[in-house]
Amino acid sequence: TGTAIVSNNDKAIISRQSSKSFATASDAQIYNSSSHHNTDANARLDRLKNDDSDYLLYDIPVGEMTYPDRSLAHRAMVAWQRTKSIEGAYLVQQILERLVEEDEAGNH
């Protein structure tokens, strides 16, 4: 067997995790799979920024955006804003202009 080198910070994390008590085994499994959650969150963020932005800008006819579509527009703008990039600013502007087009078409 090999010897693992563990830093003091890692020891503190291991100590906190091992002292956790869970109501069920599945609760412990959910707690221990938190890195999987981050991967899922990143995948959702990528989808919001790419696929959903294209859907909002090009796939919905003007005047037919639904309330869930507007909610999606809000989430996509927040996702793009968090990138703090020129591309993000440009796409937020495009989505906002699309929402204005909806209002001007009478879809409030």
PDB file of N, CA and C in Angstrom:
ATOM      1  N   THR A   1       0.834  -1.179   0.000  1.00  0.00           N
ATOM      2  CA  THR A   1       0.000   0.000   0.000  1.00  0.00           C
ATOM      3  C   THR A   1       0.873   1.234   0.000  1.00  0.00           C
ATOM      4  N   GLY A   2       0.380   2.311  -0.617  1.00  0.00           N
ATOM      5  CA  GLY A   2       1.121   3.565  -0.696  1.00  0.00           C
ATOM      6  C   GLY A   2       0.787   4.465   0.474  1.00  0.00           C
ATOM      7  N   THR A   3       1.610   5.454   0.686  1.00  0.00           N
ATOM      8  CA  THR A   3       1.385   6.426   1.740  1.00  0.00           C
ATOM      9  C   THR A   3       0.873   7.711   1.112  1.00  0.00           C
ATOM     10  N   ALA A   4      -0.210   8.228   1.627  1.00  0.00           N
ATOM     11  CA  ALA A   4      -0.784   9.475   1.111  1.00  0.00           C
ATOM     12  C   ALA A   4      -0.264  10.646   1.930  1.00  0.00           C
ATOM     13  N   ILE A   5       0.069  11.720   1.262  1.00  0.00           N
ATOM     14  CA  ILE A   5       0.478  12.944   1.938  1.00  0.00           C
ATOM     15  C   ILE A   5      -0.758  13.825   2.045  1.00  0.00           C
ATOM     16  N   VAL A   6      -1.103  14.211   3.270  1.00  0.00           N
ATOM     17  CA  VAL A   6      -2.309  14.988   3.521  1.00  0.00           C
ATOM     18  C   VAL A   6      -1.913  16.288   4.215  1.00  0.00           C
ATOM     19  N   SER A   7      -2.352  17.412   3.667  1.00  0.00           N
ATOM     20  CA  SER A   7      -2.047  18.709   4.278  1.00  0.00           C
ATOM     21  C   SER A   7      -2.944  18.939   5.490  1.00  0.00           C
ATOM     22  N   ASN A   8      -2.577  19.920   6.314  1.00  0.00           N
ATOM     23  CA  ASN A   8      -3.399  20.255   7.481  1.00  0.00           C
ATOM     24  C   ASN A   8      -4.790  20.703   7.068  1.00  0.00           C
ATOM     25  N   ASN A   9      -4.890  21.442   5.948  1.00  0.00           N
ATOM     26  CA  ASN A   9      -6.187  21.888   5.451  1.00  0.00           C
ATOM     27  C   ASN A   9      -7.046  20.686   5.066  1.00  0.00           C
ATOM     28  N   ASP A  10      -6.433  19.711   4.379  1.00  0.00           N
ATOM     29  CA  ASP A  10      -7.163  18.500   3.999  1.00  0.00           C
ATOM     30  C   ASP A  10      -7.619  17.735   5.237  1.00  0.00           C
ATOM     31  N   LYS A  11      -6.772  17.687   6.265  1.00  0.00           N
ATOM     32  CA  LYS A  11      -7.140  16.995   7.501  1.00  0.00           C
ATOM     33  C   LYS A  11      -8.354  17.648   8.144  1.00  0.00           C
ATOM     34  N   ALA A  12      -8.405  18.979   8.121  1.00  0.00           N
ATOM     35  CA  ALA A  12      -9.545  19.694   8.701  1.00  0.00           C
ATOM     36  C   ALA A  12     -10.818  19.397   7.926  1.00  0.00           C
ATOM     37  N   ILE A  13     -10.723  19.357   6.607  1.00  0.00           N
ATOM     38  CA  ILE A  13     -11.891  19.052   5.774  1.00  0.00           C
ATOM     39  C   ILE A  13     -12.361  17.633   6.027  1.00  0.00           C
ATOM     40  N   ILE A  14     -11.409  16.686   6.067  1.00  0.00           N
ATOM     41  CA  ILE A  14     -11.757  15.281   6.319  1.00  0.00           C
ATOM     42  C   ILE A  14     -12.400  15.145   7.683  1.00  0.00           C
ATOM     43  N   SER A  15     -11.857  15.850   8.688  1.00  0.00           N
ATOM     44  CA  SER A  15     -12.404  15.789  10.032  1.00  0.00           C
ATOM     45  C   SER A  15     -13.832  16.307  10.070  1.00  0.00           C
ATOM     46  N   ARG A  16     -14.087  17.454   9.395  1.00  0.00           N
ATOM     47  CA  ARG A  16     -15.445  18.005   9.374  1.00  0.00           C
ATOM     48  C   ARG A  16     -16.402  17.060   8.668  1.00  0.00           C
ATOM     49  N   GLN A  17     -15.958  16.470   7.548  1.00  0.00           N
ATOM     50  CA  GLN A  17     -16.840  15.583   6.796  1.00  0.00           C
ATOM     51  C   GLN A  17     -17.133  14.301   7.570  1.00  0.00           C
ATOM     52  N   SER A  18     -16.130  13.758   8.244  1.00  0.00           N
ATOM     53  CA  SER A  18     -16.353  12.506   8.950  1.00  0.00           C
ATOM     54  C   SER A  18     -17.201  12.712  10.195  1.00  0.00           C
ATOM     55  N   SER A  19     -17.279  13.952  10.713  1.00  0.00           N
ATOM     56  CA  SER A  19     -18.092  14.205  11.889  1.00  0.00           C
ATOM     57  C   SER A  19     -19.548  14.498  11.537  1.00  0.00           C
ATOM     58  N   LYS A  20     -19.869  14.603  10.249  1.00  0.00           N
ATOM     59  CA  LYS A  20     -21.250  14.847   9.824  1.00  0.00           C
ATOM     60  C   LYS A  20     -22.085  13.600  10.119  1.00  0.00           C
ATOM     61  N   SER A  21     -23.319  13.835  10.544  1.00  0.00           N
ATOM     62  CA  SER A  21     -24.237  12.713  10.710  1.00  0.00           C
ATOM     63  C   SER A  21     -25.399  12.925   9.739  1.00  0.00           C
ATOM     64  N   PHE A  22     -25.880  11.842   9.190  1.00  0.00           N
ATOM     65  CA  PHE A  22     -26.918  11.900   8.170  1.00  0.00           C
ATOM     66  C   PHE A  22     -28.092  11.048   8.593  1.00  0.00           C
ATOM     67  N   ALA A  23     -29.281  11.495   8.196  1.00  0.00           N
ATOM     68  CA  ALA A  23     -30.493  10.750   8.533  1.00  0.00           C
ATOM     69  C   ALA A  23     -30.531   9.411   7.808  1.00  0.00           C
ATOM     70  N   THR A  24     -30.093   9.401   6.564  1.00  0.00           N
ATOM     71  CA  THR A  24     -30.119   8.173   5.779  1.00  0.00           C
ATOM     72  C   THR A  24     -28.815   8.033   5.010  1.00  0.00           C
ATOM     73  N   ALA A  25     -28.586   6.859   4.480  1.00  0.00           N
ATOM     74  CA  ALA A  25     -27.396   6.633   3.666  1.00  0.00           C
ATOM     75  C   ALA A  25     -27.447   7.471   2.395  1.00  0.00           C
ATOM     76  N   SER A  26     -28.660   7.679   1.851  1.00  0.00           N
ATOM     77  CA  SER A  26     -28.760   8.472   0.628  1.00  0.00           C
ATOM     78  C   SER A  26     -28.421   9.937   0.887  1.00  0.00           C
ATOM     79  N   ASP A  27     -28.708  10.447   2.101  1.00  0.00           N
ATOM     80  CA  ASP A  27     -28.303  11.807   2.453  1.00  0.00           C
ATOM     81  C   ASP A  27     -26.785  11.935   2.411  1.00  0.00           C
ATOM     82  N   ALA A  28     -26.098  10.944   2.936  1.00  0.00           N
ATOM     83  CA  ALA A  28     -24.638  10.952   2.915  1.00  0.00           C
ATOM     84  C   ALA A  28     -24.126  10.889   1.487  1.00  0.00           C
ATOM     85  N   GLN A  29     -24.777  10.096   0.662  1.00  0.00           N
ATOM     86  CA  GLN A  29     -24.365   9.976  -0.735  1.00  0.00           C
ATOM     87  C   GLN A  29     -24.534  11.315  -1.456  1.00  0.00           C
ATOM     88  N   ILE A  30     -25.635  12.005  -1.206  1.00  0.00           N
ATOM     89  CA  ILE A  30     -25.871  13.314  -1.823  1.00  0.00           C
ATOM     90  C   ILE A  30     -24.804  14.303  -1.358  1.00  0.00           C
ATOM     91  N   TYR A  31     -24.510  14.290  -0.061  1.00  0.00           N
ATOM     92  CA  TYR A  31     -23.490  15.198   0.476  1.00  0.00           C
ATOM     93  C   TYR A  31     -22.127  14.933  -0.165  1.00  0.00           C
ATOM     94  N   ASN A  32     -21.785  13.668  -0.302  1.00  0.00           N
ATOM     95  CA  ASN A  32     -20.470  13.310  -0.830  1.00  0.00           C
ATOM     96  C   ASN A  32     -20.356  13.510  -2.334  1.00  0.00           C
ATOM     97  N   SER A  33     -21.460  13.688  -3.027  1.00  0.00           N
ATOM     98  CA  SER A  33     -21.401  13.865  -4.480  1.00  0.00           C
ATOM     99  C   SER A  33     -21.525  15.339  -4.866  1.00  0.00           C
ATOM    100  N   SER A  34     -21.129  16.251  -3.992  1.00  0.00           N
ATOM    101  CA  SER A  34     -21.287  17.673  -4.279  1.00  0.00           C
ATOM    102  C   SER A  34     -20.467  18.118  -5.476  1.00  0.00           C
ATOM    103  N   SER A  35     -19.340  17.466  -5.763  1.00  0.00           N
ATOM    104  CA  SER A  35     -18.563  17.846  -6.943  1.00  0.00           C
ATOM    105  C   SER A  35     -19.335  17.503  -8.213  1.00  0.00           C
ATOM    106  N   HIS A  36     -20.162  16.456  -8.164  1.00  0.00           N
ATOM    107  CA  HIS A  36     -21.020  16.109  -9.301  1.00  0.00           C
ATOM    108  C   HIS A  36     -22.025  17.227  -9.540  1.00  0.00           C
ATOM    109  N   HIS A  37     -22.513  17.830  -8.456  1.00  0.00           N
ATOM    110  CA  HIS A  37     -23.453  18.948  -8.579  1.00  0.00           C
ATOM    111  C   HIS A  37     -22.800  20.102  -9.333  1.00  0.00           C
ATOM    112  N   ASN A  38     -21.543  20.405  -9.025  1.00  0.00           N
ATOM    113  CA  ASN A  38     -20.854  21.497  -9.710  1.00  0.00           C
ATOM    114  C   ASN A  38     -20.746  21.215 -11.204  1.00  0.00           C
ATOM    115  N   THR A  39     -20.497  19.976 -11.585  1.00  0.00           N
ATOM    116  CA  THR A  39     -20.417  19.614 -12.996  1.00  0.00           C
ATOM    117  C   THR A  39     -21.768  19.827 -13.662  1.00  0.00           C
ATOM    118  N   ASP A  40     -22.848  19.424 -12.996  1.00  0.00           N
ATOM    119  CA  ASP A  40     -24.190  19.637 -13.528  1.00  0.00           C
ATOM    120  C   ASP A  40     -24.485  21.123 -13.667  1.00  0.00           C
ATOM    121  N   ALA A  41     -24.091  21.903 -12.677  1.00  0.00           N
ATOM    122  CA  ALA A  41     -24.329  23.344 -12.717  1.00  0.00           C
ATOM    123  C   ALA A  41     -23.575  23.975 -13.881  1.00  0.00           C
ATOM    124  N   ASN A  42     -22.355  23.537 -14.112  1.00  0.00           N
ATOM    125  CA  ASN A  42     -21.580  24.079 -15.233  1.00  0.00           C
ATOM    126  C   ASN A  42     -22.227  23.709 -16.565  1.00  0.00           C
ATOM    127  N   ALA A  43     -22.754  22.502 -16.672  1.00  0.00           N
ATOM    128  CA  ALA A  43     -23.416  22.079 -17.908  1.00  0.00           C
ATOM    129  C   ALA A  43     -24.677  22.916 -18.143  1.00  0.00           C
ATOM    130  N   ARG A  44     -25.443  23.169 -17.063  1.00  0.00           N
ATOM    131  CA  ARG A  44     -26.645  24.005 -17.198  1.00  0.00           C
ATOM    132  C   ARG A  44     -26.266  25.426 -17.597  1.00  0.00           C
ATOM    133  N   LEU A  45     -25.188  25.942 -17.016  1.00  0.00           N
ATOM    134  CA  LEU A  45     -24.730  27.290 -17.353  1.00  0.00           C
ATOM    135  C   LEU A  45     -24.327  27.367 -18.814  1.00  0.00           C
ATOM    136  N   ASP A  46     -23.595  26.368 -19.297  1.00  0.00           N
ATOM    137  CA  ASP A  46     -23.196  26.349 -20.706  1.00  0.00           C
ATOM    138  C   ASP A  46     -24.409  26.302 -21.620  1.00  0.00           C
ATOM    139  N   ARG A  47     -25.411  25.498 -21.238  1.00  0.00           N
ATOM    140  CA  ARG A  47     -26.625  25.409 -22.050  1.00  0.00           C
ATOM    141  C   ARG A  47     -27.362  26.745 -22.068  1.00  0.00           C
ATOM    142  N   LEU A  48     -27.444  27.390 -20.899  1.00  0.00           N
ATOM    143  CA  LEU A  48     -28.100  28.697 -20.822  1.00  0.00           C
ATOM    144  C   LEU A  48     -27.401  29.706 -21.714  1.00  0.00           C
ATOM    145  N   LYS A  49     -26.094  29.691 -21.682  1.00  0.00           N
ATOM    146  CA  LYS A  49     -25.344  30.686 -22.440  1.00  0.00           C
ATOM    147  C   LYS A  49     -25.374  30.422 -23.937  1.00  0.00           C
ATOM    148  N   ASN A  50     -25.454  29.196 -24.344  1.00  0.00           N
ATOM    149  CA  ASN A  50     -25.334  28.884 -25.770  1.00  0.00           C
ATOM    150  C   ASN A  50     -26.675  28.499 -26.392  1.00  0.00           C
ATOM    151  N   ASP A  51     -27.160  27.317 -26.097  1.00  0.00           N
ATOM    152  CA  ASP A  51     -28.374  26.807 -26.737  1.00  0.00           C
ATOM    153  C   ASP A  51     -29.592  27.686 -26.446  1.00  0.00           C
ATOM    154  N   ASP A  52     -29.772  28.058 -25.177  1.00  0.00           N
ATOM    155  CA  ASP A  52     -30.958  28.818 -24.808  1.00  0.00           C
ATOM    156  C   ASP A  52     -30.906  30.243 -25.357  1.00  0.00           C
ATOM    157  N   SER A  53     -29.721  30.829 -25.443  1.00  0.00           N
ATOM    158  CA  SER A  53     -29.606  32.166 -26.033  1.00  0.00           C
ATOM    159  C   SER A  53     -29.988  32.125 -27.503  1.00  0.00           C
ATOM    160  N   ASP A  54     -29.518  31.118 -28.227  1.00  0.00           N
ATOM    161  CA  ASP A  54     -29.895  30.972 -29.639  1.00  0.00           C
ATOM    162  C   ASP A  54     -31.400  30.788 -29.785  1.00  0.00           C
ATOM    163  N   TYR A  55     -31.992  29.967 -28.919  1.00  0.00           N
ATOM    164  CA  TYR A  55     -33.436  29.736 -28.945  1.00  0.00           C
ATOM    165  C   TYR A  55     -34.184  31.058 -28.763  1.00  0.00           C
ATOM    166  N   LEU A  56     -33.774  31.840 -27.768  1.00  0.00           N
ATOM    167  CA  LEU A  56     -34.454  33.104 -27.487  1.00  0.00           C
ATOM    168  C   LEU A  56     -34.317  34.101 -28.626  1.00  0.00           C
ATOM    169  N   LEU A  57     -33.142  34.150 -29.231  1.00  0.00           N
ATOM    170  CA  LEU A  57     -32.878  35.172 -30.240  1.00  0.00           C
ATOM    171  C   LEU A  57     -33.383  34.808 -31.631  1.00  0.00           C
ATOM    172  N   TYR A  58     -33.416  33.531 -31.960  1.00  0.00           N
ATOM    173  CA  TYR A  58     -33.671  33.151 -33.357  1.00  0.00           C
ATOM    174  C   TYR A  58     -34.854  32.207 -33.581  1.00  0.00           C
ATOM    175  N   ASP A  59     -35.237  31.434 -32.571  1.00  0.00           N
ATOM    176  CA  ASP A  59     -36.250  30.400 -32.799  1.00  0.00           C
ATOM    177  C   ASP A  59     -37.681  30.839 -32.488  1.00  0.00           C
ATOM    178  N   ILE A  60     -37.847  31.823 -31.637  1.00  0.00           N
ATOM    179  CA  ILE A  60     -39.193  32.257 -31.246  1.00  0.00           C
ATOM    180  C   ILE A  60     -39.615  33.427 -32.141  1.00  0.00           C
ATOM    181  N   PRO A  61     -40.738  33.297 -32.843  1.00  0.00           N
ATOM    182  CA  PRO A  61     -41.219  34.429 -33.658  1.00  0.00           C
ATOM    183  C   PRO A  61     -41.545  35.633 -32.767  1.00  0.00           C
ATOM    184  N   VAL A  62     -41.287  36.828 -33.268  1.00  0.00           N
ATOM    185  CA  VAL A  62     -41.573  38.058 -32.516  1.00  0.00           C
ATOM    186  C   VAL A  62     -43.062  38.106 -32.188  1.00  0.00           C
ATOM    187  N   GLY A  63     -43.355  38.382 -30.936  1.00  0.00           N
ATOM    188  CA  GLY A  63     -44.733  38.457 -30.474  1.00  0.00           C
ATOM    189  C   GLY A  63     -45.242  37.167 -29.870  1.00  0.00           C
ATOM    190  N   GLU A  64     -44.451  36.109 -29.895  1.00  0.00           N
ATOM    191  CA  GLU A  64     -44.911  34.806 -29.393  1.00  0.00           C
ATOM    192  C   GLU A  64     -44.105  34.299 -28.203  1.00  0.00           C
ATOM    193  N   MET A  65     -43.303  35.152 -27.589  1.00  0.00           N
ATOM    194  CA  MET A  65     -42.525  34.741 -26.423  1.00  0.00           C
ATOM    195  C   MET A  65     -43.466  34.553 -25.240  1.00  0.00           C
ATOM    196  N   THR A  66     -43.374  33.430 -24.579  1.00  0.00           N
ATOM    197  CA  THR A  66     -44.234  33.113 -23.439  1.00  0.00           C
ATOM    198  C   THR A  66     -43.570  33.565 -22.137  1.00  0.00           C
ATOM    199  N   TYR A  67     -44.329  33.492 -21.047  1.00  0.00           N
ATOM    200  CA  TYR A  67     -43.766  33.840 -19.743  1.00  0.00           C
ATOM    201  C   TYR A  67     -42.560  32.961 -19.401  1.00  0.00           C
ATOM    202  N   PRO A  68     -42.625  31.623 -19.607  1.00  0.00           N
ATOM    203  CA  PRO A  68     -41.434  30.808 -19.348  1.00  0.00           C
ATOM    204  C   PRO A  68     -40.235  31.218 -20.225  1.00  0.00           C
ATOM    205  N   ASP A  69     -40.506  31.651 -21.453  1.00  0.00           N
ATOM    206  CA  ASP A  69     -39.416  32.134 -22.311  1.00  0.00           C
ATOM    207  C   ASP A  69     -38.788  33.397 -21.723  1.00  0.00           C
ATOM    208  N   ARG A  70     -39.616  34.288 -21.191  1.00  0.00           N
ATOM    209  CA  ARG A  70     -39.084  35.512 -20.566  1.00  0.00           C
ATOM    210  C   ARG A  70     -38.255  35.171 -19.334  1.00  0.00           C
ATOM    211  N   SER A  71     -38.703  34.184 -18.579  1.00  0.00           N
ATOM    212  CA  SER A  71     -37.937  33.736 -17.414  1.00  0.00           C
ATOM    213  C   SER A  71     -36.586  33.163 -17.856  1.00  0.00           C
ATOM    214  N   LEU A  72     -36.621  32.394 -18.938  1.00  0.00           N
ATOM    215  CA  LEU A  72     -35.388  31.848 -19.500  1.00  0.00           C
ATOM    216  C   LEU A  72     -34.467  32.975 -19.965  1.00  0.00           C
ATOM    217  N   ALA A  73     -35.047  34.031 -20.547  1.00  0.00           N
ATOM    218  CA  ALA A  73     -34.261  35.181 -20.989  1.00  0.00           C
ATOM    219  C   ALA A  73     -33.548  35.823 -19.803  1.00  0.00           C
ATOM    220  N   HIS A  74     -34.249  35.948 -18.697  1.00  0.00           N
ATOM    221  CA  HIS A  74     -33.645  36.522 -17.498  1.00  0.00           C
ATOM    222  C   HIS A  74     -32.463  35.665 -17.034  1.00  0.00           C
ATOM    223  N   ARG A  75     -32.672  34.352 -16.953  1.00  0.00           N
ATOM    224  CA  ARG A  75     -31.597  33.456 -16.499  1.00  0.00           C
ATOM    225  C   ARG A  75     -30.409  33.490 -17.454  1.00  0.00           C
ATOM    226  N   ALA A  76     -30.677  33.562 -18.757  1.00  0.00           N
ATOM    227  CA  ALA A  76     -29.594  33.611 -19.737  1.00  0.00           C
ATOM    228  C   ALA A  76     -28.809  34.914 -19.600  1.00  0.00           C
ATOM    229  N   MET A  77     -29.505  36.036 -19.375  1.00  0.00           N
ATOM    230  CA  MET A  77     -28.803  37.309 -19.206  1.00  0.00           C
ATOM    231  C   MET A  77     -27.928  37.293 -17.956  1.00  0.00           C
ATOM    232  N   VAL A  78     -28.431  36.706 -16.875  1.00  0.00           N
ATOM    233  CA  VAL A  78     -27.626  36.611 -15.648  1.00  0.00           C
ATOM    234  C   VAL A  78     -26.394  35.742 -15.902  1.00  0.00           C
ATOM    235  N   ALA A  79     -26.576  34.624 -16.603  1.00  0.00           N
ATOM    236  CA  ALA A  79     -25.448  33.739 -16.899  1.00  0.00           C
ATOM    237  C   ALA A  79     -24.394  34.460 -17.734  1.00  0.00           C
ATOM    238  N   TRP A  80     -24.836  35.187 -18.752  1.00  0.00           N
ATOM    239  CA  TRP A  80     -23.891  35.929 -19.595  1.00  0.00           C
ATOM    240  C   TRP A  80     -23.235  37.064 -18.824  1.00  0.00           C
ATOM    241  N   GLN A  81     -23.991  37.746 -17.972  1.00  0.00           N
ATOM    242  CA  GLN A  81     -23.443  38.855 -17.189  1.00  0.00           C
ATOM    243  C   GLN A  81     -22.304  38.363 -16.303  1.00  0.00           C
ATOM    244  N   ARG A  82     -22.441  37.175 -15.761  1.00  0.00           N
ATOM    245  CA  ARG A  82     -21.419  36.637 -14.860  1.00  0.00           C
ATOM    246  C   ARG A  82     -20.104  36.324 -15.565  1.00  0.00           C
ATOM    247  N   THR A  83     -20.123  36.238 -16.885  1.00  0.00           N
ATOM    248  CA  THR A  83     -18.872  35.980 -17.595  1.00  0.00           C
ATOM    249  C   THR A  83     -17.981  37.213 -17.621  1.00  0.00           C
ATOM    250  N   LYS A  84     -18.571  38.394 -17.413  1.00  0.00           N
ATOM    251  CA  LYS A  84     -17.828  39.662 -17.418  1.00  0.00           C
ATOM    252  C   LYS A  84     -16.948  39.776 -18.661  1.00  0.00           C
ATOM    253  N   SER A  85     -17.556  39.471 -19.807  1.00  0.00           N
ATOM    254  CA  SER A  85     -16.823  39.498 -21.077  1.00  0.00           C
ATOM    255  C   SER A  85     -17.542  40.387 -22.076  1.00  0.00           C
ATOM    256  N   ILE A  86     -16.839  40.769 -23.119  1.00  0.00           N
ATOM    257  CA  ILE A  86     -17.430  41.554 -24.198  1.00  0.00           C
ATOM    258  C   ILE A  86     -18.552  40.750 -24.862  1.00  0.00           C
ATOM    259  N   GLU A  87     -18.284  39.473 -25.114  1.00  0.00           N
ATOM    260  CA  GLU A  87     -19.293  38.604 -25.725  1.00  0.00           C
ATOM    261  C   GLU A  87     -20.545  38.547 -24.851  1.00  0.00           C
ATOM    262  N   GLY A  88     -20.344  38.431 -23.527  1.00  0.00           N
ATOM    263  CA  GLY A  88     -21.476  38.387 -22.603  1.00  0.00           C
ATOM    264  C   GLY A  88     -22.289  39.665 -22.642  1.00  0.00           C
ATOM    265  N   ALA A  89     -21.598  40.806 -22.651  1.00  0.00           N
ATOM    266  CA  ALA A  89     -22.295  42.098 -22.711  1.00  0.00           C
ATOM    267  C   ALA A  89     -23.091  42.213 -24.005  1.00  0.00           C
ATOM    268  N   TYR A  90     -22.509  41.782 -25.106  1.00  0.00           N
ATOM    269  CA  TYR A  90     -23.180  41.842 -26.401  1.00  0.00           C
ATOM    270  C   TYR A  90     -24.437  40.972 -26.412  1.00  0.00           C
ATOM    271  N   LEU A  91     -24.340  39.753 -25.864  1.00  0.00           N
ATOM    272  CA  LEU A  91     -25.504  38.868 -25.866  1.00  0.00           C
ATOM    273  C   LEU A  91     -26.590  39.352 -24.915  1.00  0.00           C
ATOM    274  N   VAL A  92     -26.202  39.923 -23.784  1.00  0.00           N
ATOM    275  CA  VAL A  92     -27.214  40.508 -22.890  1.00  0.00           C
ATOM    276  C   VAL A  92     -27.947  41.629 -23.621  1.00  0.00           C
ATOM    277  N   GLN A  93     -27.205  42.461 -24.352  1.00  0.00           N
ATOM    278  CA  GLN A  93     -27.823  43.539 -25.126  1.00  0.00           C
ATOM    279  C   GLN A  93     -28.783  42.967 -26.167  1.00  0.00           C
ATOM    280  N   GLN A  94     -28.394  41.910 -26.863  1.00  0.00           N
ATOM    281  CA  GLN A  94     -29.265  41.308 -27.872  1.00  0.00           C
ATOM    282  C   GLN A  94     -30.541  40.758 -27.250  1.00  0.00           C
ATOM    283  N   ILE A  95     -30.412  40.102 -26.099  1.00  0.00           N
ATOM    284  CA  ILE A  95     -31.592  39.540 -25.434  1.00  0.00           C
ATOM    285  C   ILE A  95     -32.512  40.665 -24.959  1.00  0.00           C
ATOM    286  N   LEU A  96     -31.931  41.730 -24.407  1.00  0.00           N
ATOM    287  CA  LEU A  96     -32.752  42.871 -23.983  1.00  0.00           C
ATOM    288  C   LEU A  96     -33.495  43.484 -25.172  1.00  0.00           C
ATOM    289  N   GLU A  97     -32.801  43.644 -26.299  1.00  0.00           N
ATOM    290  CA  GLU A  97     -33.451  44.186 -27.494  1.00  0.00           C
ATOM    291  C   GLU A  97     -34.582  43.273 -27.954  1.00  0.00           C
ATOM    292  N   ARG A  98     -34.391  41.982 -27.815  1.00  0.00           N
ATOM    293  CA  ARG A  98     -35.433  41.014 -28.195  1.00  0.00           C
ATOM    294  C   ARG A  98     -36.652  41.167 -27.296  1.00  0.00           C
ATOM    295  N   LEU A  99     -36.428  41.399 -26.011  1.00  0.00           N
ATOM    296  CA  LEU A  99     -37.544  41.613 -25.082  1.00  0.00           C
ATOM    297  C   LEU A  99     -38.283  42.906 -25.412  1.00  0.00           C
ATOM    298  N   VAL A 100     -37.555  43.938 -25.816  1.00  0.00           N
ATOM    299  CA  VAL A 100     -38.190  45.197 -26.233  1.00  0.00           C
ATOM    300  C   VAL A 100     -39.046  44.952 -27.478  1.00  0.00           C
ATOM    301  N   GLU A 101     -38.545  44.161 -28.425  1.00  0.00           N
ATOM    302  CA  GLU A 101     -39.330  43.820 -29.620  1.00  0.00           C
ATOM    303  C   GLU A 101     -40.639  43.139 -29.225  1.00  0.00           C
ATOM    304  N   GLU A 102     -40.581  42.263 -28.228  1.00  0.00           N
ATOM    305  CA  GLU A 102     -41.792  41.588 -27.743  1.00  0.00           C
ATOM    306  C   GLU A 102     -42.795  42.611 -27.216  1.00  0.00           C
ATOM    307  N   ASP A 103     -42.312  43.547 -26.406  1.00  0.00           N
ATOM    308  CA  ASP A 103     -43.202  44.579 -25.861  1.00  0.00           C
ATOM    309  C   ASP A 103     -43.798  45.436 -26.968  1.00  0.00           C
ATOM    310  N   GLU A 104     -42.974  45.815 -27.942  1.00  0.00           N
ATOM    311  CA  GLU A 104     -43.458  46.648 -29.047  1.00  0.00           C
ATOM    312  C   GLU A 104     -44.470  45.902 -29.915  1.00  0.00           C
ATOM    313  N   ALA A 105     -44.383  44.567 -29.945  1.00  0.00           N
ATOM    314  CA  ALA A 105     -45.341  43.755 -30.700  1.00  0.00           C
ATOM    315  C   ALA A 105     -46.633  43.539 -29.925  1.00  0.00           C
ATOM    316  N   GLY A 106     -46.697  44.097 -28.714  1.00  0.00           N
ATOM    317  CA  GLY A 106     -47.916  43.960 -27.912  1.00  0.00           C
ATOM    318  C   GLY A 106     -47.934  42.735 -27.012  1.00  0.00           C
ATOM    319  N   ASN A 107     -46.846  42.052 -26.912  1.00  0.00           N
ATOM    320  CA  ASN A 107     -46.761  40.859 -26.055  1.00  0.00           C
ATOM    321  C   ASN A 107     -46.144  41.279 -24.723  1.00  0.00           C
ATOM    322  N   HIS A 108     -47.022  41.645 -23.767  1.00  0.00           N
ATOM    323  CA  HIS A 108     -46.539  42.136 -22.468  1.00  0.00           C
ATOM    324  C   HIS A 108     -46.541  41.046 -21.464  1.00  0.00           C
TER     325      HIS A 108
END
